[in-house]
Amino acid sequence: MLAVQRQRYTLAIIFLFVACVMYVKSIQRNTTSQAETPSSQSAAVATVSNTDSNTADTHDRPPFVTGSWTPAMVETQLRLLGGLAKTNAKSKAAGPMLEKHRVMQRNLRALKQCDDKQTVPWTHKELIDALKYFLHEVYPRRPLKANGGGMRMSHSFGLWFVVRWYQPAYVIENGVRHGHTTFLLRNASPNATIYSFDPGAATIPVYIDPTAHYFLDASVKTSDELHKVRSQLPPSAQPWRDFTDVNWSSLIPTEEDRRNRTIILFDDHQDQLLRVLAAKQRGFTKLFFDDNWIPLTGDCYSVKQVCDESGGLALRNPTWPRVVLRLGDFHKNDTVITLQEHLDNRELLLKLTKVYYECPGVLHSPGQLMWPGFPVGFREHEWKGAKNGIHEFGEPDAGDSAGGLTKVKFPPRELLDTWEMTYAVPPVVQNEQLYKELKLQSYHPGEFGYTGACYVELH
């Protein structure tokens, strides 16, 4: 009997010891969690913390210049943009996390892009210092305060920063519109020779650089206003011609200048891979692309889309046909290619590219963080010229022998958060202190809209 009692006492002591150890560990976990994640997180952000913390902390991706996403950063961006309530309300419309969504989530986490090309000579601190100067000295003097349909704050800062850093002797501007980017280019590189091209008959520059060389659409009879504005262009202005139709050896005579002392801005919504090849063939190596769309969005085959080894299929339902969308010229030249053709394009880009740097937004795009950033799909009228009748994001319609696709329910929040941390570059402003210091709350939220921009340097 005594032996049995001793055995019971021993077991009880062991049980109490194990319970104490587990209790201490639970306290440590709670303390760590409270330190990392604000207690004021909403249900939407809590979903990020609970389900995607491994994605943020252990996702095997080389860090961008501005660091890597964490759940706390997502929460901070949402809170700074005042979007938590909107996000919560709209999250209720999203469907549950199904197995097909988990497959997409795993595909996103394993996705290879062009991360190993991200090395640049500047630091995040230099970005912040430059942003302070930009917002104080440059952006308030922009000639068009509401540049609808053109660059806003984030794209503007990225272009201005890169050009200011390299101080090129020549800048080739493809896409003028109202002259906003011409203003940025002149401010960033005061002594550069600027060649500005735009085919749009409705291009009416608000800012005209007196020393720039303009190549604009020859038709000036569309309106009296158009004729009046264009009559103010420098005498050297010529009819528009495409970048590929210009004799660059006559405008920029030396190979050294074309290779090392020229930056080309492509803000023309053309197939960006074709633009890379054209620039390379003409001896140029430093390129800046606006509208560097994420896969399945936009109106051109962007550098970022080429970098995506899945060709956007990581964002598709697993049953989606193995084809890749290749867009171009404002949807005028849209088509689809095979996944292998896309992978061949990606391999070619990687061989040509020395640096691929995704310029971070000032803040993260409200559209991406709140709702429409996930590429649900394209409207049918945008795809009349596309092959195989591909119109929408979703599953193949069994009743459509032509391969048409039907729209599915909006993706669940958990999948959106994984997508966010996979495709979006962390912004320049990542905390509330800097947000207040820069007085970003005084700007319209539309200023932070961001479809992506990148600097590409070729071998």
Foldseek 3Di string as FASTA:
>chain_A
DVVVVVVVVVVVVVVVVVVVVVVVVVVVVVVVVCVQAPPPDDPLLVLCVPPPQCLQPVLPAPAALQGFDGSRLLRQLCVLLVNRVLQVVVLVQADDCDPLLVQLLVCLSPWFFPRVQRDDDDHLVVLLVLLLCCLVPPLVPQLDVCPPPDAFQFVLSLLLVVCLVQQFQEEEEEDQQQNRVVSSNCVSRVNHAYEYADEDQNRQHSDADQRHEYAYAPDQVPDPNSVVRVVPHHPNYHHHDDPLPDPVCVVPVDLCSQDRRYEYEDPQFFAVLVVLVSSVVVNHFKYKYALQADAQDDAANHSRCLRTLQLCCSLARPQAPQKHWGGGRRLPDIEIHGSVVSNVSSVVQSQFFNHKHWRAGQRAQPCLSRDPVRNQHAAQVSPPPYALQEGGGAHFDPVDPSRYGDGDRDHRSNSSSSVCSSRHRHHSDRHDVSCVVSVVVVDDSVSRHGRIMIITGTD
